[in-house]
Amino acid sequence: MRFNNTLLLFLTTLVLLAGCRKKNMDSPITAATIKSHIAVLADDSLQGRKPFTTGETKATAYIATQFKKLGLEPGNNGSYFQDVPMVEITSIPSQTMEINGGKTRIDLRSLTDFVMSTRREVDTVQLKKSPLVFAGYGVVAPEYKWNDYAGVDVKGKTVIVLVNDPGFKSGDKTLFKGDTMTYYGRWTYKYEEAARQGAAAVIIVHQTEPASYGWNVVNNSFTGAKLYLQQPDKHLSRCKGEGWMTEEAAKKLLAAAGITGDIRALARKRDFKAIPLNFNVTLTIQNKLKYSTSHNVIAVLKGSARPDECILYTAHWDHLGTGKADAKGDSIYNGAVDNASGVAAVLAEAKAFSELKEKPQRSIVFLTVTAEEQGLLGSEYYATHPVFALNKTVGDLNMDALGDFGETNDFSITGKGQNELEDYAESWAKQEGKKTTGDKNPGAGGYYRSDHFNFAKVGVPALDINNGAESTAHGEAWGKKQQEDYNDNHYHQPSDNYSPSMNCEGMAEVANLLFNAGLQLANESTFPGWKNGSEFKAMRDKSMGK
C-alpha cells in the first residue's frame, strides 16, 4: 500500500505540474478554430487562390468578412483592402545567347545552358555586344569591408556573378556569416546590386549546393509568365536582362577567358578584383505584358494608449491556382498547409485579440498579403507603401506553412540570430517547457524566402516561426519524417489538401506563442531591435534616429 500511495502521489504531482505549466501561457487559440478556416480557404471552390482569379475574390472576401464579424476596423483608410497593382511579363529570350570575342563564338542554348528574363515593361530589350565582366559574388557589403565592384565600371556591361556569399563553405566563420547565408547571397540581391551599378544585364552562375536547389528549379521558376509590382519608371532602372547560367556553361566561358580552377575560392579572396573577360554577349528578349490589380487584406484593433504604434501579424493568402494534374487527376493546388494554415492562424489571432477584456496599449494590425508565391509581392508592396509608419511598427510576426502533424517540443525560428523578437518567442517557449531551434540548412537562406523578409528589408524586426520537428507524441525522428514527406510529396502539389484528419494542434501552439509575444509587445513601450551583425540593423537604426 505504501508503494501504491507513493506512486499515486507522484502521478498526482505530475498532473499538477503539467497543469501549472499550461497556465504559464494564455492559450485562447484552438486547433478547431484554425481547422475551420483552413477547410474554407483550401476548398476546391477557391480554385487554388491564385491572384486575379475568382479564387482571389472568394478568399479575400472571406478574410475581410471574418475581420468585420470580429468587430475589427478596416485597416486601410476605411477599407479592408489595399490595391496591389501588378504587371505580368512573359519573357521569351533568343534561343541562343551569342558570346563573341574569342577564337570561336560560344553559343549558349536557352533553358539548357541559361535562362533570361526582364522586368522592363517594354515589348523588346536587346543586348548588343555587351562586354562581359566576372564580378565575383556581386556583393557590396560595407559592414564586411567587401566590394566586388570596386575599381570597375560596369555601366552597359553584363556581369557574371556567383550565387550565395563568400562565407559559404569557406571554412571561415568570420567571413560574412560562414555557412549561414546573408542577404548578400540571395539571388534577388544580386539583381538589385547589378542594377545599382548600372549593369546592362546580370547572370548568376548556378551551383546546386550554394543555391540549395538544382537547375530544374531554376528552369521551372525563372521562366514563363511572372508577376512584378508595377513601377512608375516601368522597371527601366533595372537591368535589361536578369538570368542564370549553368555551372558547366560558366566554366566553359571562364576557361576560354583564362580563368580555371575553383572560381568560388578565387572570388572569396579579400583582394579579389572584378575581371573583364574580353568577350561580349548578344541577346534579344521579347515580352508579352498584362496589367492587373490584386489585393492585400488589412484589419486593425486600435491601441488604447499608443494607437500610432503597432504590431503586425502577417500571412500570405495566395497559392498556385490550377495546373498539371497529379496521378489522381487532381489539378487544383489548394495549398492547405501553404498557406491556408498561416491565414487561418492570423484569423485566430484576430479573434483572440478582439475578445480581450482590456485592449492592448499598441494597435494590432492583421495583414494577409497577395502574391507571395510570385515573389513576395504583396508584402513588398505594403512595405514600400505602408499604411502604418514603419518606424512606429514594433515588429512583424509571420506565419507560413505551419506543420499539420501535431504538437512539438520545439519551435523553429527561421534565420535565428537576427533580431530581439526571437528573445520574446524563446521566453514564452521556455515557460511552456519547450525550446527554440534555428535553420537546419542555414546556407539555403530561408530567412529571405517568406513575407517577413520584406519588412526586414525596410528595417522592421521580423520573425518567422513554425513548428519544430520534435513531435511531442512520437519523437523527433517521426517528426522529421512528416516534414520530409510534406516537402517531398505535397509542397506545391495538388495533394496539399484539407482533410478532417489534419492535426492542427501544433499550428495552435505556434499561434498561441505569437499571441502571447504580441500581447507583451503591445503593452510595452520598448522597440526590439536587430542584433549586432544583422544586415538590417543599420536601416532600422537610421529610421529610429539612432
Protein backbone atom coordinates (compact mmCIF):
# COMPACT_ATOMS: atom_id res chain seq x y z
CA MET A 1 0.00 0.00 0.00
CA ARG A 2 2.85 2.35 0.77
CA PHE A 3 4.26 1.81 -2.74
CA ASN A 4 0.87 2.44 -4.33
CA ASN A 5 0.31 5.60 -2.26
CA THR A 6 3.75 6.88 -3.21
CA LEU A 7 3.08 6.16 -6.86
CA LEU A 8 -0.30 7.87 -6.61
CA LEU A 9 1.30 10.95 -5.02
CA PHE A 10 3.95 11.03 -7.74
CA LEU A 11 1.39 10.81 -10.54
CA THR A 12 -0.78 13.48 -8.92
CA THR A 13 2.23 15.79 -8.67
CA LEU A 14 2.99 15.28 -12.35
CA VAL A 15 -0.58 16.16 -13.29
CA LEU A 16 -0.49 19.30 -11.13
CA LEU A 17 2.85 20.35 -12.59
CA ALA A 18 1.54 19.82 -16.10
CA GLY A 19 -1.47 21.96 -15.24
CA CYS A 20 0.75 24.72 -13.86
CA ARG A 21 2.93 24.64 -16.96
CA LYS A 22 -0.07 25.13 -19.20
CA LYS A 23 -1.16 28.15 -17.17
CA ASN A 24 2.11 29.96 -17.82
CA MET A 25 0.93 30.97 -21.30
CA ASP A 26 -2.55 32.05 -22.30
CA SER A 27 -3.91 29.71 -24.95
CA PRO A 28 -7.06 31.31 -26.37
CA ILE A 29 -6.47 29.89 -29.86
CA THR A 30 -7.74 26.39 -30.55
CA ALA A 31 -6.87 23.88 -33.23
CA ALA A 32 -10.57 23.66 -34.09
CA THR A 33 -10.74 27.38 -34.93
CA ILE A 34 -7.72 27.13 -37.21
CA LYS A 35 -9.00 23.97 -38.87
CA SER A 36 -12.39 25.55 -39.60
CA HIS A 37 -10.73 28.37 -41.55
CA ILE A 38 -8.44 26.00 -43.46
CA ALA A 39 -11.48 23.98 -44.54
CA VAL A 40 -12.91 27.09 -46.24
CA LEU A 41 -9.70 28.57 -47.65
CA ALA A 42 -8.46 25.25 -49.09
CA ASP A 43 -11.79 24.21 -50.59
CA ASP A 44 -11.84 23.32 -54.30
CA SER A 45 -14.30 26.16 -54.93
CA LEU A 46 -11.47 28.66 -54.39
CA GLN A 47 -9.52 27.06 -57.26
CA GLY A 48 -6.13 27.34 -55.57
CA ARG A 49 -6.38 31.04 -54.57
CA LYS A 50 -4.28 32.40 -57.43
CA PRO A 51 -4.19 36.21 -57.82
CA PHE A 52 -6.52 37.69 -60.48
CA THR A 53 -8.92 34.71 -60.37
CA THR A 54 -12.29 34.02 -58.76
CA GLY A 55 -10.22 32.24 -56.12
CA GLU A 56 -8.73 35.58 -55.09
CA THR A 57 -12.17 37.20 -54.97
CA LYS A 58 -13.56 34.46 -52.73
CA ALA A 59 -10.50 34.21 -50.46
CA THR A 60 -10.11 37.93 -49.84
CA ALA A 61 -13.86 38.39 -49.33
CA TYR A 62 -13.87 35.59 -46.75
CA ILE A 63 -10.94 37.09 -44.84
CA ALA A 64 -12.45 40.58 -44.84
CA THR A 65 -15.82 39.21 -43.71
CA GLN A 66 -14.18 37.41 -40.79
CA PHE A 67 -12.40 40.60 -39.72
CA LYS A 68 -15.68 42.53 -39.89
CA LYS A 69 -17.54 39.89 -37.86
CA LEU A 70 -14.92 40.25 -35.12
CA GLY A 71 -15.56 43.98 -34.96
CA LEU A 72 -12.11 44.91 -36.25
CA GLU A 73 -11.76 48.20 -38.08
CA PRO A 74 -10.77 48.31 -41.76
CA GLY A 75 -7.01 48.78 -41.84
CA ASN A 76 -6.59 50.92 -44.94
CA ASN A 77 -8.33 54.28 -44.57
CA GLY A 78 -11.81 52.84 -44.27
CA SER A 79 -11.23 49.76 -46.43
CA TYR A 80 -10.22 46.21 -45.61
CA PHE A 81 -8.37 46.07 -48.95
CA GLN A 82 -5.13 47.52 -50.24
CA ASP A 83 -4.81 47.54 -54.05
CA VAL A 84 -1.60 45.92 -55.30
CA PRO A 85 -1.03 46.88 -58.97
CA MET A 86 0.99 44.27 -60.85
CA VAL A 87 2.26 43.51 -64.29
CA GLU A 88 2.57 40.03 -65.73
CA ILE A 89 5.60 39.74 -68.01
CA THR A 90 6.19 36.72 -70.19
CA SER A 91 9.79 37.00 -71.40
CA ILE A 92 10.90 34.97 -74.40
CA PRO A 93 14.67 35.20 -74.96
CA SER A 94 16.53 34.26 -78.12
CA GLN A 95 17.11 30.53 -78.36
CA THR A 96 20.83 31.26 -78.48
CA MET A 97 22.97 33.58 -76.39
CA GLU A 98 25.87 34.62 -78.63
CA ILE A 99 29.22 35.19 -76.96
CA ASN A 100 31.88 36.68 -79.20
CA GLY A 101 35.44 37.90 -78.80
CA GLY A 102 37.42 34.70 -78.59
CA LYS A 103 38.88 32.48 -81.28
CA THR A 104 35.49 30.92 -81.85
CA ARG A 105 31.98 32.06 -80.98
CA ILE A 106 30.38 30.41 -77.94
CA ASP A 107 26.68 29.72 -78.29
CA LEU A 108 24.65 29.02 -75.14
CA ARG A 109 21.22 27.42 -75.51
CA SER A 110 18.11 28.72 -73.77
CA LEU A 111 16.92 26.50 -70.90
CA THR A 112 19.76 24.03 -71.41
CA ASP A 113 22.60 26.50 -70.65
CA PHE A 114 20.86 29.67 -69.50
CA VAL A 115 17.58 31.34 -68.58
CA MET A 116 16.98 35.06 -69.08
CA SER A 117 14.08 37.41 -68.45
CA THR A 118 13.49 41.11 -67.88
CA ARG A 119 11.41 43.27 -65.56
CA ARG A 120 11.36 46.14 -68.04
CA GLU A 121 7.81 46.87 -69.17
CA VAL A 122 8.63 47.15 -72.86
CA ASP A 123 7.99 44.93 -75.87
CA THR A 124 11.64 44.18 -76.61
CA VAL A 125 15.01 44.51 -74.91
CA GLN A 126 18.34 43.87 -76.61
CA LEU A 127 21.88 43.25 -75.52
CA LYS A 128 24.17 44.15 -78.41
CA LYS A 129 27.78 43.14 -77.90
CA SER A 130 27.59 43.95 -74.19
CA PRO A 131 31.07 43.41 -72.62
CA LEU A 132 31.23 40.57 -70.08
CA VAL A 133 32.74 41.03 -66.60
CA PHE A 134 33.21 38.38 -63.90
CA ALA A 135 32.26 40.25 -60.70
CA GLY A 136 32.84 37.50 -58.15
CA TYR A 137 29.88 37.27 -55.78
CA GLY A 138 28.46 40.60 -56.96
CA VAL A 139 28.42 41.92 -53.41
CA VAL A 140 28.86 45.40 -51.94
CA ALA A 141 28.80 44.99 -48.13
CA PRO A 142 30.43 47.88 -46.23
CA GLU A 143 29.98 46.20 -42.85
CA TYR A 144 32.10 43.29 -44.07
CA LYS A 145 34.54 45.61 -45.88
CA TRP A 146 33.65 43.91 -49.16
CA ASN A 147 33.10 45.42 -52.62
CA ASP A 148 33.21 43.21 -55.69
CA TYR A 149 32.55 46.24 -57.90
CA ALA A 150 35.41 48.34 -56.57
CA GLY A 151 37.58 49.83 -59.32
CA VAL A 152 35.44 48.65 -62.22
CA ASP A 153 32.80 50.47 -64.28
CA VAL A 154 30.12 48.02 -65.39
CA LYS A 155 27.73 50.51 -66.97
CA GLY A 156 26.34 48.95 -70.13
CA LYS A 157 28.15 45.69 -69.40
CA THR A 158 26.91 42.23 -68.45
CA VAL A 159 28.15 40.92 -65.11
CA ILE A 160 28.53 37.25 -64.24
CA VAL A 161 28.27 36.58 -60.50
CA LEU A 162 28.21 33.60 -58.14
CA VAL A 163 25.23 32.52 -56.05
CA ASN A 164 25.39 32.69 -52.22
CA ASP A 165 28.09 34.77 -50.48
CA PRO A 166 31.85 34.48 -49.79
CA GLY A 167 31.41 32.82 -46.40
CA PHE A 168 29.63 29.71 -47.70
CA LYS A 169 31.89 26.62 -47.36
CA SER A 170 34.90 28.88 -46.85
CA GLY A 171 35.83 27.21 -43.56
CA ASP A 172 35.98 30.69 -42.03
CA LYS A 173 33.10 31.52 -39.66
CA THR A 174 34.23 35.16 -39.55
CA LEU A 175 33.88 35.60 -43.33
CA PHE A 176 30.38 37.10 -43.62
CA LYS A 177 28.43 34.55 -41.51
CA GLY A 178 30.25 31.44 -42.59
CA ASP A 179 27.85 28.82 -43.90
CA THR A 180 24.79 30.86 -42.90
CA MET A 181 23.61 32.84 -45.90
CA THR A 182 23.29 36.61 -45.55
CA TYR A 183 21.01 38.61 -47.80
CA TYR A 184 24.09 39.35 -49.93
CA GLY A 185 23.95 35.72 -51.03
CA ARG A 186 20.37 35.80 -52.23
CA TRP A 187 19.73 35.96 -55.98
CA THR A 188 17.34 38.89 -55.56
CA TYR A 189 20.16 40.94 -54.03
CA LYS A 190 22.48 40.11 -56.94
CA TYR A 191 19.94 41.54 -59.37
CA GLU A 192 19.36 44.66 -57.28
CA GLU A 193 23.05 45.43 -56.84
CA ALA A 194 23.87 44.93 -60.51
CA ALA A 195 21.14 47.45 -61.34
CA ARG A 196 22.54 49.93 -58.81
CA GLN A 197 25.91 49.56 -60.51
CA GLY A 198 24.39 50.35 -63.92
CA ALA A 199 24.97 46.94 -65.49
CA ALA A 200 23.09 46.13 -68.68
CA ALA A 201 22.48 42.56 -67.55
CA VAL A 202 23.35 40.17 -64.74
CA ILE A 203 23.80 36.41 -64.96
CA ILE A 204 24.13 34.24 -61.84
CA VAL A 205 26.20 31.07 -62.06
CA HIS A 206 24.08 28.19 -60.77
CA GLN A 207 25.72 25.69 -58.44
CA THR A 208 23.46 23.22 -56.66
CA GLU A 209 24.95 23.23 -53.14
CA PRO A 210 25.28 27.01 -52.62
CA ALA A 211 21.92 27.61 -54.33
CA SER A 212 20.28 24.78 -52.33
CA TYR A 213 18.31 23.64 -55.38
CA GLY A 214 19.04 22.08 -58.78
CA TRP A 215 18.98 23.54 -62.27
CA ASN A 216 15.49 22.10 -62.77
CA VAL A 217 14.19 24.53 -60.14
CA VAL A 218 15.78 27.45 -62.00
CA ASN A 219 14.23 26.21 -65.24
CA ASN A 220 10.76 26.00 -63.67
CA SER A 221 10.86 29.13 -61.52
CA PHE A 222 12.65 31.65 -63.72
CA THR A 223 10.81 31.06 -67.00
CA GLY A 224 7.29 31.67 -68.27
CA ALA A 225 4.89 34.36 -67.08
CA LYS A 226 6.00 36.18 -63.94
CA LEU A 227 4.31 38.85 -61.85
CA TYR A 228 6.02 42.03 -60.71
CA LEU A 229 4.82 45.12 -58.91
CA GLN A 230 4.10 47.97 -61.30
CA GLN A 231 6.64 50.78 -61.00
CA PRO A 232 6.36 54.42 -62.14
CA ASP A 233 9.52 54.01 -64.26
CA LYS A 234 8.25 50.71 -65.73
CA HIS A 235 11.30 48.98 -64.20
CA LEU A 236 13.66 50.82 -66.55
CA SER A 237 16.02 51.27 -63.60
CA ARG A 238 16.51 47.51 -63.52
CA CYS A 239 18.98 45.66 -65.73
CA LYS A 240 17.79 44.83 -69.22
CA GLY A 241 18.34 41.17 -68.51
CA GLU A 242 18.28 39.10 -65.30
CA GLY A 243 19.25 35.47 -65.63
CA TRP A 244 21.18 32.35 -64.69
CA MET A 245 23.62 30.06 -66.44
CA THR A 246 24.63 26.52 -65.61
CA GLU A 247 27.92 25.84 -63.87
CA GLU A 248 29.09 23.93 -66.96
CA ALA A 249 28.38 26.88 -69.27
CA ALA A 250 30.12 29.26 -66.86
CA LYS A 251 33.21 27.08 -66.60
CA LYS A 252 33.40 26.83 -70.39
CA LEU A 253 33.15 30.60 -70.77
CA LEU A 254 35.56 31.45 -67.95
CA ALA A 255 38.08 28.86 -69.14
CA ALA A 256 38.04 30.49 -72.58
CA ALA A 257 38.92 33.73 -70.79
CA GLY A 258 41.79 32.07 -68.93
CA ILE A 259 40.01 31.55 -65.59
CA THR A 260 40.18 27.95 -64.37
CA GLY A 261 40.09 26.09 -61.08
CA ASP A 262 37.83 26.79 -58.11
CA ILE A 263 36.04 30.02 -59.05
CA ARG A 264 34.45 30.31 -55.61
CA ALA A 265 37.84 30.18 -53.90
CA LEU A 266 39.13 32.79 -56.35
CA ALA A 267 36.18 35.12 -55.73
CA ARG A 268 36.31 34.89 -51.93
CA LYS A 269 39.86 36.21 -51.70
CA ARG A 270 39.81 39.57 -49.96
CA ASP A 271 41.94 41.13 -52.68
CA PHE A 272 39.66 39.86 -55.49
CA LYS A 273 39.03 42.39 -58.25
CA ALA A 274 36.37 42.10 -60.95
CA ILE A 275 37.81 40.61 -64.14
CA PRO A 276 36.90 41.85 -67.65
CA LEU A 277 36.56 38.70 -69.79
CA ASN A 278 37.26 40.30 -73.19
CA PHE A 279 34.07 38.74 -74.51
CA ASN A 280 30.71 40.31 -75.35
CA VAL A 281 27.17 39.00 -75.36
CA THR A 282 24.28 39.49 -77.78
CA LEU A 283 20.71 38.52 -76.92
CA THR A 284 17.14 39.67 -77.61
CA ILE A 285 14.17 39.29 -75.24
CA GLN A 286 10.59 39.62 -76.48
CA ASN A 287 7.91 40.43 -73.90
CA LYS A 288 4.18 39.91 -73.53
CA LEU A 289 2.66 42.33 -70.98
CA LYS A 290 -0.56 42.10 -68.98
CA TYR A 291 -1.67 44.54 -66.26
CA SER A 292 -3.96 43.81 -63.34
CA THR A 293 -4.56 44.56 -59.66
CA SER A 294 -4.58 42.16 -56.72
CA HIS A 295 -5.28 42.90 -53.04
CA ASN A 296 -3.85 42.69 -49.56
CA VAL A 297 -6.43 42.42 -46.76
CA ILE A 298 -5.88 44.55 -43.64
CA ALA A 299 -7.72 44.98 -40.32
CA VAL A 300 -6.73 46.77 -37.13
CA LEU A 301 -7.53 46.66 -33.43
CA LYS A 302 -6.72 50.21 -32.30
CA GLY A 303 -4.46 50.51 -29.27
CA SER A 304 -5.79 52.10 -26.09
CA ALA A 305 -2.73 54.22 -25.27
CA ARG A 306 -0.39 54.37 -28.27
CA PRO A 307 -2.54 53.64 -31.33
CA ASP A 308 0.08 55.03 -33.73
CA GLU A 309 2.44 52.19 -32.74
CA CYS A 310 1.60 48.71 -33.96
CA ILE A 311 2.47 45.03 -34.04
CA LEU A 312 1.89 43.23 -37.34
CA TYR A 313 0.61 39.67 -37.80
CA THR A 314 1.14 38.50 -41.38
CA ALA A 315 0.49 35.53 -43.69
CA HIS A 316 0.01 35.17 -47.43
CA TRP A 317 -3.42 34.12 -48.68
CA ASP A 318 -2.40 33.15 -52.23
CA HIS A 319 -1.37 29.82 -53.72
CA LEU A 320 -0.75 28.43 -57.21
CA GLY A 321 -4.24 28.09 -58.69
CA THR A 322 -4.81 25.22 -61.12
CA GLY A 323 -2.23 23.37 -63.18
CA LYS A 324 -0.90 19.99 -64.13
CA ALA A 325 -3.00 17.14 -62.74
CA ASP A 326 -1.47 14.55 -60.44
CA ALA A 327 -1.87 10.78 -60.67
CA LYS A 328 -5.32 11.05 -59.07
CA GLY A 329 -6.47 13.59 -61.65
CA ASP A 330 -6.42 16.49 -59.18
CA SER A 331 -5.34 19.74 -60.84
CA ILE A 332 -6.27 22.21 -58.07
CA TYR A 333 -3.38 23.41 -55.94
CA ASN A 334 -5.34 24.16 -52.77
CA GLY A 335 -2.39 24.98 -50.51
CA ALA A 336 -3.97 23.83 -47.25
CA VAL A 337 -0.66 23.98 -45.41
CA ASP A 338 0.87 26.57 -47.74
CA ASN A 339 -0.64 28.88 -46.69
CA ALA A 340 -4.26 28.47 -45.67
CA SER A 341 -2.72 27.44 -42.34
CA GLY A 342 -1.00 30.80 -41.84
CA VAL A 343 -4.09 32.81 -42.79
CA ALA A 344 -6.22 30.65 -40.51
CA ALA A 345 -3.78 31.36 -37.69
CA VAL A 346 -3.93 35.13 -38.36
CA LEU A 347 -7.74 34.96 -38.23
CA ALA A 348 -7.47 33.04 -34.96
CA GLU A 349 -5.09 35.70 -33.60
CA ALA A 350 -7.61 38.35 -34.60
CA LYS A 351 -10.38 36.53 -32.73
CA ALA A 352 -8.22 36.15 -29.61
CA PHE A 353 -7.27 39.84 -29.54
CA SER A 354 -10.82 41.01 -30.26
CA GLU A 355 -12.08 39.07 -27.23
CA LEU A 356 -9.63 40.61 -24.74
CA LYS A 357 -11.32 42.37 -21.83
CA GLU A 358 -8.71 45.13 -21.95
CA LYS A 359 -7.47 46.46 -25.26
CA PRO A 360 -3.71 46.35 -25.76
CA GLN A 361 -1.94 49.69 -25.50
CA ARG A 362 -0.49 49.49 -29.00
CA SER A 363 -2.51 48.73 -32.13
CA ILE A 364 -2.59 45.21 -33.54
CA VAL A 365 -2.63 45.01 -37.34
CA PHE A 366 -3.69 41.84 -39.15
CA LEU A 367 -2.34 41.74 -42.70
CA THR A 368 -2.86 38.93 -45.21
CA VAL A 369 -0.93 39.53 -48.40
CA THR A 370 -1.11 38.53 -52.03
CA ALA A 371 1.36 37.01 -54.48
CA GLU A 372 3.88 35.53 -52.07
CA GLU A 373 4.23 32.60 -54.44
CA GLN A 374 5.06 35.05 -57.25
CA GLY A 375 7.98 36.62 -55.37
CA LEU A 376 6.73 38.07 -52.06
CA LEU A 377 4.96 40.83 -53.96
CA GLY A 378 2.08 41.70 -51.64
CA SER A 379 4.35 42.17 -48.64
CA GLU A 380 6.82 44.11 -50.78
CA TYR A 381 4.04 46.45 -51.84
CA TYR A 382 2.91 47.02 -48.26
CA ALA A 383 6.50 47.56 -47.06
CA THR A 384 7.04 50.18 -49.76
CA HIS A 385 3.52 51.66 -49.38
CA PRO A 386 2.93 51.24 -45.64
CA VAL A 387 -0.41 52.13 -44.11
CA PHE A 388 1.18 52.36 -40.65
CA ALA A 389 4.51 54.16 -40.26
CA LEU A 390 7.43 51.76 -40.42
CA ASN A 391 9.35 53.48 -37.62
CA LYS A 392 6.25 53.02 -35.44
CA THR A 393 5.87 49.36 -36.42
CA VAL A 394 7.29 47.42 -33.50
CA GLY A 395 7.71 44.13 -35.36
CA ASP A 396 6.23 41.65 -37.81
CA LEU A 397 5.12 38.18 -36.68
CA ASN A 398 4.76 35.98 -39.76
CA MET A 399 3.28 32.52 -40.23
CA ASP A 400 3.82 30.47 -43.38
CA ALA A 401 3.06 26.77 -43.95
CA LEU A 402 2.51 25.62 -40.37
CA GLY A 403 3.02 21.90 -39.83
CA ASP A 404 -0.06 19.65 -39.64
CA PHE A 405 1.44 16.81 -37.60
CA GLY A 406 0.55 17.87 -34.08
CA GLU A 407 2.29 19.35 -31.07
CA THR A 408 6.07 19.56 -30.88
CA ASN A 409 8.53 20.15 -28.08
CA ASP A 410 10.28 22.83 -30.11
CA PHE A 411 9.62 25.85 -32.30
CA SER A 412 11.70 26.55 -35.40
CA ILE A 413 12.82 30.17 -35.89
CA THR A 414 13.81 30.97 -39.46
CA GLY A 415 17.17 32.74 -39.61
CA LYS A 416 17.64 32.50 -35.86
CA GLY A 417 20.07 35.12 -34.56
CA GLN A 418 18.69 38.10 -36.46
CA ASN A 419 16.65 40.19 -34.02
CA GLU A 420 15.28 40.56 -30.50
CA LEU A 421 11.78 39.32 -31.37
CA GLU A 422 13.34 35.88 -31.10
CA ASP A 423 14.03 36.52 -27.42
CA TYR A 424 10.32 37.08 -26.78
CA ALA A 425 9.46 33.85 -28.58
CA GLU A 426 12.14 31.94 -26.71
CA SER A 427 10.97 33.29 -23.36
CA TRP A 428 7.39 32.15 -23.94
CA ALA A 429 8.56 28.79 -25.28
CA LYS A 430 10.60 28.21 -22.12
CA GLN A 431 7.58 28.95 -19.96
CA GLU A 432 5.91 26.05 -21.72
CA GLY A 433 8.90 23.80 -21.16
CA LYS A 434 9.76 23.98 -24.84
CA LYS A 435 12.79 25.15 -26.82
CA THR A 436 13.52 27.11 -29.98
CA THR A 437 15.78 25.92 -32.78
CA GLY A 438 17.25 27.56 -35.86
CA ASP A 439 17.52 26.61 -39.52
CA LYS A 440 18.58 23.05 -40.25
CA ASN A 441 20.08 24.30 -43.53
CA PRO A 442 21.26 27.89 -42.85
CA GLY A 443 23.08 28.10 -46.17
CA ALA A 444 19.76 27.98 -48.04
CA GLY A 445 18.81 31.49 -46.89
CA GLY A 446 15.36 30.56 -45.58
CA TYR A 447 15.02 33.93 -43.84
CA TYR A 448 14.76 35.64 -47.23
CA ARG A 449 12.01 33.39 -48.63
CA SER A 450 8.78 34.48 -46.96
CA ASP A 451 6.88 37.70 -46.42
CA HIS A 452 8.58 38.72 -43.17
CA PHE A 453 11.71 39.40 -45.22
CA ASN A 454 10.21 42.45 -46.93
CA PHE A 455 9.67 44.03 -43.52
CA ALA A 456 13.23 43.18 -42.51
CA LYS A 457 14.43 44.77 -45.71
CA VAL A 458 12.98 48.13 -44.66
CA GLY A 459 14.31 47.74 -41.12
CA VAL A 460 11.27 46.39 -39.25
CA PRO A 461 12.26 43.48 -36.97
CA ALA A 462 10.54 40.40 -38.38
CA LEU A 463 10.02 36.91 -37.01
CA ASP A 464 9.06 33.82 -38.99
CA ILE A 465 8.30 30.85 -36.76
CA ASN A 466 7.00 27.33 -37.27
CA ASN A 467 6.60 24.02 -35.51
CA GLY A 468 9.83 22.21 -34.82
CA ALA A 469 10.46 18.56 -35.70
CA GLU A 470 10.41 17.02 -32.21
CA SER A 471 6.90 15.56 -32.08
CA THR A 472 5.54 15.50 -28.53
CA ALA A 473 3.68 12.26 -29.16
CA HIS A 474 6.05 10.40 -31.48
CA GLY A 475 9.55 11.84 -31.14
CA GLU A 476 11.93 13.75 -33.41
CA ALA A 477 12.62 11.02 -35.97
CA TRP A 478 8.91 10.70 -36.67
CA GLY A 479 8.50 14.48 -36.83
CA LYS A 480 11.33 14.82 -39.32
CA LYS A 481 9.74 12.12 -41.43
CA GLN A 482 6.48 14.10 -41.54
CA GLN A 483 8.33 17.25 -42.61
CA GLU A 484 10.24 15.37 -45.30
CA ASP A 485 7.05 13.74 -46.56
CA TYR A 486 5.39 17.14 -46.93
CA ASN A 487 8.40 18.70 -48.67
CA ASP A 488 8.93 15.74 -50.99
CA ASN A 489 5.33 14.83 -51.83
CA HIS A 490 2.95 17.68 -51.05
CA TYR A 491 4.76 21.04 -51.21
CA HIS A 492 3.42 22.95 -54.22
CA GLN A 493 1.45 19.87 -55.30
CA PRO A 494 -2.31 19.25 -55.68
CA SER A 495 -2.07 16.88 -52.71
CA ASP A 496 -1.63 19.81 -50.26
CA ASN A 497 -5.31 19.45 -49.42
CA TYR A 498 -7.53 19.98 -46.41
CA SER A 499 -8.56 16.83 -44.57
CA PRO A 500 -10.77 16.47 -41.48
CA SER A 501 -7.97 14.32 -40.08
CA MET A 502 -5.44 17.18 -40.18
CA ASN A 503 -3.79 17.64 -36.80
CA CYS A 504 -3.79 21.38 -36.18
CA GLU A 505 -2.65 21.27 -32.55
CA GLY A 506 0.88 22.33 -33.49
CA MET A 507 -0.50 25.23 -35.52
CA ALA A 508 -2.42 26.37 -32.45
CA GLU A 509 0.77 26.13 -30.37
CA VAL A 510 2.59 28.48 -32.75
CA ALA A 511 -0.36 30.87 -32.86
CA ASN A 512 -0.68 30.96 -29.07
CA LEU A 513 3.03 31.59 -28.62
CA LEU A 514 2.83 34.53 -31.05
CA PHE A 515 -0.36 35.78 -29.37
CA ASN A 516 1.44 36.00 -26.04
CA ALA A 517 4.57 37.53 -27.54
CA GLY A 518 2.50 40.08 -29.45
CA LEU A 519 0.40 40.96 -26.43
CA GLN A 520 3.53 41.51 -24.36
CA LEU A 521 4.98 43.75 -27.07
CA ALA A 522 1.69 45.62 -27.35
CA ASN A 523 1.74 46.55 -23.68
CA GLU A 524 5.40 47.58 -23.59
CA SER A 525 6.96 50.85 -24.66
CA THR A 526 10.20 49.29 -25.93
CA PHE A 527 11.12 48.71 -29.58
CA PRO A 528 13.00 45.44 -30.13
CA GLY A 529 15.98 45.87 -32.45
CA TRP A 530 18.28 43.91 -34.70
CA LYS A 531 21.19 42.03 -33.19
CA ASN A 532 24.77 43.03 -33.90
CA GLY A 533 25.90 41.55 -37.20
CA SER A 534 22.48 41.68 -38.84
CA GLU A 535 22.50 43.26 -42.29
CA PHE A 536 19.21 45.01 -41.42
CA LYS A 537 20.38 46.80 -38.27
CA ALA A 538 21.67 49.95 -39.99
CA MET A 539 18.34 50.52 -41.76
CA ARG A 540 16.36 50.29 -38.52
CA ASP A 541 18.80 52.45 -36.58
CA LYS A 542 18.52 55.13 -39.24
CA SER A 543 14.73 55.07 -39.29
CA MET A 544 14.64 55.31 -35.48
CA GLY A 545 17.03 58.27 -35.49
CA LYS A 546 19.89 56.40 -33.85
